[in-house]
Protein backbone atom coordinates (compact mmCIF):
# COMPACT_ATOMS: atom_id res chain seq x y z
CA MET A 1 144.08 89.88 93.05
CA LEU A 2 146.55 90.73 90.18
CA VAL A 3 146.73 86.92 89.13
CA THR A 4 143.38 87.45 87.59
CA LEU A 5 145.23 89.75 85.03
CA GLY A 6 146.86 86.55 83.66
CA ASN A 7 143.42 86.03 81.77
CA PRO A 8 144.17 87.72 78.35
CA THR A 9 140.69 88.56 77.65
CA PHE A 10 139.93 90.19 81.12
CA ARG A 11 143.39 91.88 80.80
CA HIS A 12 142.05 93.52 77.35
CA LEU A 13 138.89 94.56 79.08
CA PHE A 14 140.48 95.84 82.23
CA ALA A 15 142.71 97.98 80.04
CA ALA A 16 140.06 99.37 78.04
CA GLN A 17 138.08 100.22 81.37
CA VAL A 18 141.25 102.19 82.52
CA VAL A 19 141.78 104.18 79.61
CA ALA A 20 138.35 105.01 79.17
CA LEU A 21 138.09 106.18 82.89
CA VAL A 22 141.20 108.27 82.31
CA GLY A 23 139.62 109.90 79.33
CA THR A 24 136.31 110.42 81.43
CA GLY A 25 138.36 112.30 84.27
CA LEU A 26 140.05 114.51 81.72
CA ALA A 27 136.58 115.51 80.35
CA THR A 28 135.34 116.03 83.86
CA VAL A 29 138.02 118.92 84.17
CA ALA A 30 137.46 120.19 80.64
CA LEU A 31 133.66 120.29 80.76
CA GLY A 32 133.93 122.57 84.03
CA LEU A 33 136.20 124.85 82.10
CA LEU A 34 134.11 124.80 79.19
CA ALA A 35 130.91 125.89 81.40
CA TRP A 36 132.95 128.71 82.56
CA GLN A 37 133.83 130.00 79.46
CA LEU A 38 130.31 129.76 78.11
CA ALA A 39 128.35 130.80 81.08
CA GLY A 40 130.89 132.67 83.58
CA ASP A 41 129.28 132.86 86.95
CA ASP A 42 126.49 130.58 85.91
CA ALA A 43 128.88 127.83 85.24
CA GLY A 44 127.51 125.95 88.54
CA ALA A 45 124.09 125.96 87.15
CA VAL A 46 125.13 124.55 83.78
CA LEU A 47 127.27 121.89 85.19
CA GLY A 48 124.22 121.00 87.67
CA THR A 49 121.66 120.76 84.71
CA ALA A 50 124.44 118.57 82.76
CA LEU A 51 124.49 116.44 85.88
CA ALA A 52 120.84 116.03 86.12
CA ILE A 53 120.73 115.13 82.35
CA LYS A 54 123.31 112.53 82.91
CA MET A 55 121.23 110.88 85.65
CA VAL A 56 117.84 111.01 83.70
CA ALA A 57 119.72 109.53 80.74
CA TYR A 58 120.98 106.54 82.99
CA VAL A 59 117.75 105.89 84.42
CA THR A 60 115.62 106.00 81.38
CA LEU A 61 117.79 104.47 78.75
CA ALA A 62 119.89 101.85 80.42
CA PRO A 63 117.00 99.39 80.12
CA VAL A 64 116.41 100.20 76.54
CA ALA A 65 120.13 99.74 75.64
CA ALA A 66 120.28 96.47 77.36
CA ALA A 67 117.22 95.25 75.24
CA LEU A 68 119.05 96.44 72.17
CA SER A 69 122.26 94.83 73.06
CA GLU A 70 120.78 91.33 73.40
CA ARG A 71 119.64 91.61 69.61
CA LEU A 72 123.31 92.70 68.45
CA PRO A 73 126.78 91.26 68.71
CA ARG A 74 128.33 92.24 72.11
CA ARG A 75 131.68 93.19 70.91
CA GLY A 76 130.59 95.26 68.03
CA PHE A 77 128.01 96.85 70.35
CA LEU A 78 130.54 97.99 72.84
CA VAL A 79 132.76 98.79 70.10
CA LEU A 80 130.03 101.11 68.48
CA LEU A 81 129.32 102.96 71.97
CA ASP A 82 132.93 103.73 72.58
CA VAL A 83 133.06 105.20 69.06
CA ILE A 84 130.06 107.38 69.52
CA ARG A 85 131.29 108.62 72.98
CA ALA A 86 134.54 109.50 71.34
CA VAL A 87 132.74 111.41 68.52
CA VAL A 88 130.54 113.22 70.90
CA ILE A 89 133.52 114.30 72.90
CA ALA A 90 135.13 115.59 69.73
CA CYS A 91 132.39 117.92 69.27
CA LEU A 92 132.44 119.65 72.56
CA PRO A 93 135.54 121.92 71.89
CA PHE A 94 133.38 123.46 69.15
CA VAL A 95 130.16 124.36 70.88
CA ASP A 96 129.39 128.10 71.35
CA GLN A 97 125.92 127.67 73.00
CA VAL A 98 124.79 126.09 76.40
CA TRP A 99 122.12 124.18 74.88
CA GLN A 100 124.44 122.60 72.49
CA VAL A 101 126.46 121.18 75.84
CA TYR A 102 123.39 119.72 77.00
CA LEU A 103 122.56 117.95 73.83
CA LEU A 104 126.06 116.36 73.61
CA ILE A 105 126.11 115.53 77.35
CA PHE A 106 122.76 113.59 76.68
CA LEU A 107 124.20 111.73 73.68
CA LEU A 108 127.32 110.89 75.69
CA GLN A 109 125.40 109.79 78.79
CA ALA A 110 123.04 107.73 76.51
CA ALA A 111 125.84 105.66 74.98
CA SER A 112 127.62 105.30 78.64
CA ALA A 113 124.05 103.76 79.67
CA GLY A 114 124.40 101.19 77.12
CA PHE A 115 127.88 100.55 77.42
CA THR A 116 128.45 100.14 81.24
CA PRO A 117 125.88 97.39 81.84
CA ALA A 118 126.89 95.56 78.86
CA PHE A 119 130.41 95.63 79.78
CA GLN A 120 129.52 94.50 83.42
CA ALA A 121 127.41 91.70 82.08
CA VAL A 122 130.83 90.33 79.86
CA ILE A 123 132.88 90.05 82.91
CA PRO A 124 131.34 86.98 84.63
CA ASP A 125 131.31 85.23 81.13
CA VAL A 126 135.04 85.70 80.80
CA LEU A 127 135.81 84.62 84.50
CA LYS A 128 133.58 81.66 85.62
CA ASP A 129 135.36 81.09 88.71
CA GLU A 130 133.96 83.16 91.56
CA THR A 131 137.31 83.99 93.09
CA ASP A 132 138.64 85.17 89.84
CA TYR A 133 135.39 87.15 89.27
CA THR A 134 135.59 88.64 92.83
CA ASN A 135 139.24 89.93 92.13
CA ALA A 136 138.07 91.21 88.88
CA LEU A 137 135.47 93.35 90.61
CA SER A 138 138.03 94.57 93.20
CA LEU A 139 140.52 95.53 90.57
CA LEU A 140 137.76 97.45 88.64
CA ARG A 141 136.64 99.11 91.98
CA LEU A 142 140.31 100.08 92.38
CA ALA A 143 140.79 101.45 88.87
CA GLU A 144 137.62 103.85 89.26
CA ASP A 145 139.09 105.12 92.69
CA LEU A 146 142.45 105.74 91.23
CA GLU A 147 141.03 107.58 88.28
CA GLN A 148 139.40 109.99 90.50
CA VAL A 149 142.63 110.91 92.08
CA ALA A 150 145.03 110.44 88.92
CA SER A 151 142.97 112.12 86.24
CA PRO A 152 142.62 115.66 87.91
CA ILE A 153 146.46 115.63 88.69
CA LEU A 154 147.08 114.55 84.92
CA ALA A 155 144.62 117.28 83.97
CA ALA A 156 146.52 120.00 86.26
CA ALA A 157 149.86 118.91 84.63
CA LEU A 158 148.48 119.12 81.00
CA LEU A 159 146.98 122.62 81.60
CA THR A 160 150.12 124.05 82.36
CA VAL A 161 151.33 123.53 78.93
CA VAL A 162 147.85 123.42 76.75
CA GLY A 163 144.45 125.06 76.69
CA PHE A 164 141.59 122.95 78.17
CA PRO A 165 140.15 121.84 74.81
CA VAL A 166 143.32 119.55 74.37
CA LEU A 167 141.97 117.57 77.25
CA PHE A 168 138.84 116.68 75.23
CA ALA A 169 141.59 115.24 72.77
CA GLY A 170 142.70 112.85 75.56
CA THR A 171 139.25 111.74 76.39
CA VAL A 172 138.54 111.01 72.47
CA ALA A 173 141.96 108.87 72.62
CA GLY A 174 140.67 107.25 75.71
CA PHE A 175 137.41 106.05 74.36
CA LEU A 176 139.00 105.09 70.95
CA GLY A 177 141.81 103.18 72.96
CA SER A 178 139.04 101.36 74.78
CA ALA A 179 137.31 100.42 71.44
CA LEU A 180 140.60 99.06 70.16
CA LEU A 181 141.04 96.97 73.23
CA VAL A 182 137.58 95.81 73.30
CA ALA A 183 137.73 94.87 69.42
CA THR A 184 140.95 92.85 69.87
CA ALA A 185 139.57 90.96 72.91
CA ARG A 186 138.32 87.24 72.47
CA LEU A 187 135.03 87.70 73.90
CA PRO A 188 133.17 84.36 74.84
CA ALA A 189 129.88 83.61 72.77
CA ARG A 190 126.71 84.72 74.30
CA ASP A 191 124.40 82.08 75.57
CA PRO A 192 121.58 81.43 73.14
CA ALA A 193 118.37 83.08 74.15
CA GLY A 194 115.10 83.73 72.39
CA HIS A 195 113.96 87.11 72.48
CA GLY A 196 110.31 88.46 73.29
CA GLN A 197 108.86 91.60 72.27
CA PHE A 198 111.26 94.45 72.44
CA TRP A 199 109.36 96.55 75.16
CA SER A 200 109.02 93.35 77.21
CA ASP A 201 112.85 92.87 77.04
CA VAL A 202 113.05 96.44 78.06
CA THR A 203 111.40 95.61 81.40
CA LYS A 204 112.66 92.26 81.69
CA GLY A 205 115.61 93.36 84.04
CA ILE A 206 113.27 95.37 86.41
CA ARG A 207 110.91 92.45 86.54
CA ILE A 208 113.73 90.09 87.76
CA TYR A 209 115.07 92.51 90.11
CA THR A 210 111.74 93.36 91.83
CA ARG A 211 110.74 89.80 92.10
CA THR A 212 114.06 88.27 93.56
CA PRO A 213 114.32 89.01 97.42
CA ARG A 214 118.02 89.77 97.43
CA LEU A 215 117.89 92.16 94.55
CA ARG A 216 114.99 94.02 96.28
CA GLY A 217 117.39 94.17 99.25
CA LEU A 218 120.09 95.36 97.10
CA MET A 219 117.70 97.99 95.47
CA VAL A 220 116.81 99.74 98.77
CA MET A 221 120.62 99.46 99.79
CA GLU A 222 121.39 101.88 97.00
CA ALA A 223 119.22 104.46 99.04
CA ALA A 224 121.82 104.26 101.85
CA VAL A 225 124.74 104.25 99.45
CA ALA A 226 123.27 107.45 97.49
CA ALA A 227 122.54 109.27 100.55
CA ALA A 228 126.07 109.11 102.14
CA GLY A 229 127.57 109.57 98.55
CA ALA A 230 125.56 112.62 98.09
CA MET A 231 126.79 114.07 101.24
CA VAL A 232 130.38 113.72 100.29
CA TYR A 233 130.12 114.72 96.64
CA VAL A 234 127.87 117.72 97.18
CA ASN A 235 128.80 119.12 100.53
CA THR A 236 132.45 118.37 100.95
CA VAL A 237 133.56 121.93 99.41
CA VAL A 238 130.98 123.51 101.73
CA LEU A 239 132.15 121.82 104.69
CA VAL A 240 135.88 122.46 104.20
CA GLN A 241 135.62 125.93 103.09
CA ASP A 242 132.61 127.21 104.99
CA ARG A 243 132.48 125.08 108.20
CA LEU A 244 136.15 124.66 108.52
CA GLY A 245 137.58 127.78 106.78
CA LEU A 246 140.11 125.92 104.75
CA GLY A 247 141.44 126.09 101.18
CA GLU A 248 141.16 123.97 97.81
CA THR A 249 143.93 121.79 98.87
CA SER A 250 141.81 120.64 101.92
CA VAL A 251 138.91 119.96 99.57
CA ALA A 252 141.17 117.61 97.47
CA LEU A 253 142.51 115.92 100.63
CA ALA A 254 139.06 115.31 101.77
CA PHE A 255 138.02 113.69 98.57
CA ALA A 256 141.36 111.72 98.70
CA ALA A 257 140.45 110.32 102.12
CA PHE A 258 137.10 109.15 100.77
CA GLY A 259 139.19 107.27 97.83
CA ALA A 260 141.77 106.12 100.08
CA GLY A 261 139.09 104.25 102.18
CA SER A 262 137.40 102.79 99.31
CA MET A 263 140.45 101.44 97.72
CA LEU A 264 141.65 100.09 101.28
CA ALA A 265 138.25 98.14 101.11
CA ALA A 266 138.64 96.93 97.39
CA VAL A 267 142.19 95.38 98.17
CA LEU A 268 140.80 93.73 101.44
CA LEU A 269 137.53 92.53 99.81
CA PRO A 270 138.58 89.22 98.15
CA ARG A 271 139.96 88.01 101.54
CA ILE A 272 136.85 89.10 103.27
CA LEU A 273 134.64 87.58 100.90
CA SER A 274 136.40 84.25 100.90
CA ARG A 275 135.35 84.09 104.72
CA LEU A 276 132.02 85.94 104.95
CA GLU A 277 128.78 85.93 102.59
CA ASP A 278 127.94 88.97 100.63
CA ARG A 279 124.98 90.13 102.67
CA PRO A 280 126.68 90.72 106.10
CA VAL A 281 129.58 92.47 104.32
CA MET A 282 127.26 94.81 102.31
CA ILE A 283 125.07 95.47 105.26
CA GLY A 284 127.88 96.44 107.45
CA GLY A 285 129.40 98.50 104.64
CA ALA A 286 125.92 100.49 104.62
CA GLY A 287 126.07 100.60 108.29
CA LEU A 288 129.43 102.21 108.43
CA MET A 289 128.20 104.84 105.95
CA VAL A 290 125.11 105.75 107.77
CA ALA A 291 126.94 106.23 111.14
CA ALA A 292 129.74 108.20 109.31
CA VAL A 293 127.35 110.46 107.77
CA ALA A 294 125.48 111.10 111.00
CA GLY A 295 128.84 111.64 112.57
CA VAL A 296 129.30 114.86 110.35
CA SER A 297 126.79 116.61 112.59
CA VAL A 298 129.29 116.85 115.32
CA ALA A 299 132.55 117.01 113.31
CA SER A 300 134.42 120.26 114.16
CA THR A 301 138.02 119.33 112.95
CA PHE A 302 139.49 118.81 109.68
CA SER A 303 141.09 115.22 110.85
CA GLY A 304 137.70 114.37 112.14
CA LEU A 305 136.28 114.77 108.65
CA LEU A 306 139.00 113.01 106.99
CA ALA A 307 138.27 110.05 109.04
CA LEU A 308 134.67 110.12 108.60
CA TRP A 309 135.24 110.66 104.85
CA ALA A 310 137.57 107.29 104.86
CA VAL A 311 134.93 105.55 106.81
CA ILE A 312 132.38 106.32 104.35
CA GLY A 313 134.72 105.41 101.50
CA PHE A 314 135.36 101.92 102.90
CA GLY A 315 131.73 101.51 103.36
CA PHE A 316 131.07 102.61 99.89
CA SER A 317 133.39 99.87 98.44
CA LEU A 318 132.15 97.35 100.72
CA THR A 319 128.63 97.86 99.36
CA GLN A 320 129.42 98.48 95.67
CA THR A 321 132.24 95.91 94.80
CA PRO A 322 130.02 92.77 95.45
CA ILE A 323 127.06 93.78 93.31
CA GLY A 324 128.29 91.83 90.65
CA ARG A 325 128.30 88.54 92.61
CA ILE A 326 124.80 89.29 93.68
CA ILE A 327 123.60 89.76 90.18
CA ASN A 328 125.59 86.74 88.79
CA ARG A 329 123.81 84.52 91.04
CA SER A 330 120.35 85.89 90.56
CA ALA A 331 120.06 85.65 87.07
CA ARG A 332 120.68 83.59 83.85
CA ALA A 333 123.83 84.30 81.74
CA ALA A 334 121.25 85.41 79.07
CA ASP A 335 119.57 87.75 81.24
CA ARG A 336 122.37 89.13 83.07
CA GLY A 337 122.77 92.30 80.73
CA ALA A 338 119.25 93.23 81.37
CA VAL A 339 119.65 92.81 85.33
CA PHE A 340 122.82 94.85 85.29
CA ALA A 341 120.93 97.54 83.32
CA ALA A 342 118.18 97.46 86.09
CA GLN A 343 120.72 98.00 88.69
CA PHE A 344 122.32 100.88 86.79
CA ALA A 345 119.12 102.58 86.29
CA LEU A 346 117.81 102.04 89.79
CA SER A 347 120.83 102.96 91.49
CA HIS A 348 121.20 106.28 89.61
CA ALA A 349 117.58 106.86 90.24
CA CYS A 350 118.62 107.04 93.85
CA TRP A 351 121.21 109.46 93.30
CA LEU A 352 118.80 111.59 91.28
CA ILE A 353 117.10 112.30 94.59
CA THR A 354 119.68 112.34 97.01
CA TYR A 355 122.06 114.75 95.13
CA PRO A 356 119.62 117.77 95.01
CA LEU A 357 118.33 117.10 98.49
CA ALA A 358 122.00 117.26 99.74
CA GLY A 359 122.21 120.47 98.12
CA TRP A 360 119.00 121.91 99.03
CA ILE A 361 119.01 120.92 102.59
CA GLY A 362 122.52 122.02 102.96
CA ALA A 363 121.76 125.49 101.69
CA GLY A 364 118.31 125.80 103.36
CA ALA A 365 118.80 124.43 106.81
CA GLY A 366 122.36 123.96 107.26
CA LEU A 367 125.05 121.26 107.14
CA THR A 368 124.11 119.48 110.14
CA ALA A 369 120.53 119.06 108.98
CA ALA A 370 121.81 117.76 105.77
CA ALA A 371 123.77 115.33 107.43
CA LEU A 372 121.19 114.23 109.88
CA SER A 373 118.51 113.99 106.95
CA LEU A 374 120.59 111.88 104.70
CA ALA A 375 121.62 109.64 107.61
CA ALA A 376 118.00 109.18 108.28
CA ILE A 377 117.29 108.17 104.62
CA GLY A 378 120.32 105.70 104.77
CA GLY A 379 119.12 104.46 108.05
CA VAL A 380 115.64 103.68 106.59
CA GLY A 381 117.06 101.97 103.77
CA LEU A 382 119.14 99.80 105.91
CA VAL A 383 116.28 98.64 107.90
CA ALA A 384 114.51 97.78 104.68
CA VAL A 385 117.43 95.68 103.52
CA LEU A 386 117.33 93.69 106.70
CA ARG A 387 113.36 93.08 105.92
CA LEU A 388 113.82 92.45 102.13
CA TRP A 389 116.86 90.42 102.01
CA PRO A 390 116.58 87.29 104.21
CA ALA A 391 119.35 86.22 106.21
CA HIS A 392 118.69 82.80 104.83
CA ASP A 393 119.19 83.31 101.27
CA PRO A 394 120.11 79.71 99.82
CA GLU A 395 121.06 79.62 95.88
CA VAL A 396 119.30 76.25 95.78
CA VAL A 397 115.72 76.75 96.53
CA SER A 398 112.82 73.89 97.06
CA HIS A 399 109.69 74.77 95.29
CA ARG A 400 106.61 73.59 93.22
CA HIS A 401 104.87 74.32 89.83
CA PRO A 402 101.30 74.28 90.33
CA GLU A 403 100.83 76.40 87.33
CA LEU A 404 102.53 73.65 85.03
CA PRO A 405 100.51 70.59 83.56
CA PRO A 406 102.06 67.32 85.02
CA ASP A 407 103.33 66.40 81.65
CA HIS A 408 105.64 69.42 81.33
CA PRO A 409 109.10 68.76 80.25
CA HIS A 410 110.39 70.77 83.56
CA LEU A 411 108.18 68.51 85.83
CA ARG A 412 109.19 65.43 83.69
CA ALA A 413 112.86 66.26 84.56
CA HIS A 414 112.17 66.88 88.38
CA ALA A 415 109.80 65.73 91.14
CA ALA A 416 106.42 67.78 91.84
CA GLU A 417 108.52 69.33 94.69
CA HIS A 418 112.03 69.91 93.75
CA ALA A 419 115.08 72.16 94.36
CA HIS A 420 117.76 73.75 92.04
CA PRO A 421 119.48 77.01 91.76
CA LEU A 422 116.43 79.39 91.24
CA VAL A 423 116.54 82.52 89.27
CA ILE A 424 113.30 84.54 87.89
CA ASP A 425 112.93 83.33 84.26
CA ASP A 426 109.94 82.12 82.17
CA LEU A 427 109.40 79.17 84.29
CA HIS A 428 110.03 80.86 87.72
CA ARG A 429 108.01 83.98 87.37
CA THR A 430 107.66 84.54 91.23
CA TRP A 431 109.91 83.80 94.17
CA PRO A 432 108.56 80.96 96.22
CA ARG A 433 107.38 81.60 99.71
CA PRO A 434 109.67 80.15 102.39
CA THR A 435 108.23 76.95 104.08
C-alpha cells in the first residue's frame, strides 16, 4: 500500500490532506472550548447548531462549488479554498458573539464543500492504475481515522502549556501547509470538456448519480452508513456514561475501538478488493453495521460495546473506502468532480437526517429504541441497495440509440446495437434497460 507514495504528485496531495486533517482536528477541540467560553452551559446547543450549519453548507453548496471548479484552474481553486479556510479560522479567536461563530463556521464549511470533492476528483487523474488508486483510497481512509485519534491527543498536550486559542493557530498552519503542498504538486491537465449553462452544470452530478444504477444503490447505502455512524457519534457518551456508568476515559476508548475497526478494514481492503468486486464488499460492510447497531439494544457490558463499535468501524471503512472506485467507473473524467460533489452532498443529507434522529429518539424513547430505529433505517437502506444496484453490473453495456439520426458520428463509429464502457453523458442520457 505504501508503494503508492512513490508517486511524487500523490505524495504531495497525501501530505496536504494529512496536515489539513490535523489542523481540522485541533479546530474541533478549540471550537468546543470557544463555545463554552461564549455560551457556558448552552455550549452544546451552540455546537449542535454549528454542526447543522456544516451539514446544510455541505448539502447545498457542494454542487455549486463543483460547477465553479470546472471553470477555474484546479490547482488555483484548491489553493484558494485552503487559504480561505485558513483566514476564517484565524478570525475565530477574536469573536465575542455566538452569531459570529455561526457565520464563520458557514464560510469555513462552504470552502470545505468545494475543496473535498475537487480534491477527490484529482486523485484518479494522478493514479490511473486501479490498484494504485485503491491503495490511495485506503491510505486516505487511514489518515482520516488516525486524525480522530491523534488530533485530540495533540490538542490535550498543547493545552497543558498554551491556551485554547493557540489551537486555532495550529489549524491555520495546517491549511496553509496544505495550500503550499497543493501549489507545489504537478497536477495533470484536466480533460477538455465544454460547459453548459452554469445551473445546468450545478445539477449535472445529481443527474448522473440518479440515472446510474450502481450510484443509486450507493446513494441509499449512505442511509445505512449514516444510521450506524449517527448511533456512534451521537450516543456513545450516553451509552458509556449513563447506561454503563463509566467515565470520560471509557468514552475515548469506545471511539478508539470504532477507529481501530475502520483502520483494520482500510489496511485489508486493497487485498480484499483484488479478489472481490466492490458491490459484495460494500454490501457486506453495510450488513455488519446494521447488525452491530441492532446489537446495541442488548449490549450490557463495556467489552461488548467495544466489540460492536469495532465491527461498526470495520463495516464503515468497507462501505466508504471503495466509493472513489465506483465513481471513477461511473463518470467521464471531465464529469468526475460533479459526481464526487453529488456524492458529498447526498451522503451528508443522510447524516443531516440521522444525526438529530439519533439524539431525539435516544433522549425521548431510550437508547434501545434509538438503536433499533437506526438499525431499521439501515436495514431498509440495505434492502434498497440490493434492488437498485444489480448484482450483474458490467462496465461494458450493450445498447442502442433510437433517438439519434442514422448519420450521427457516434452511430457511424459503431453498429446500430453496440457495446462500450457506459456512463451517463450527453449521448447517453438514460441507462439502457437490461435485455
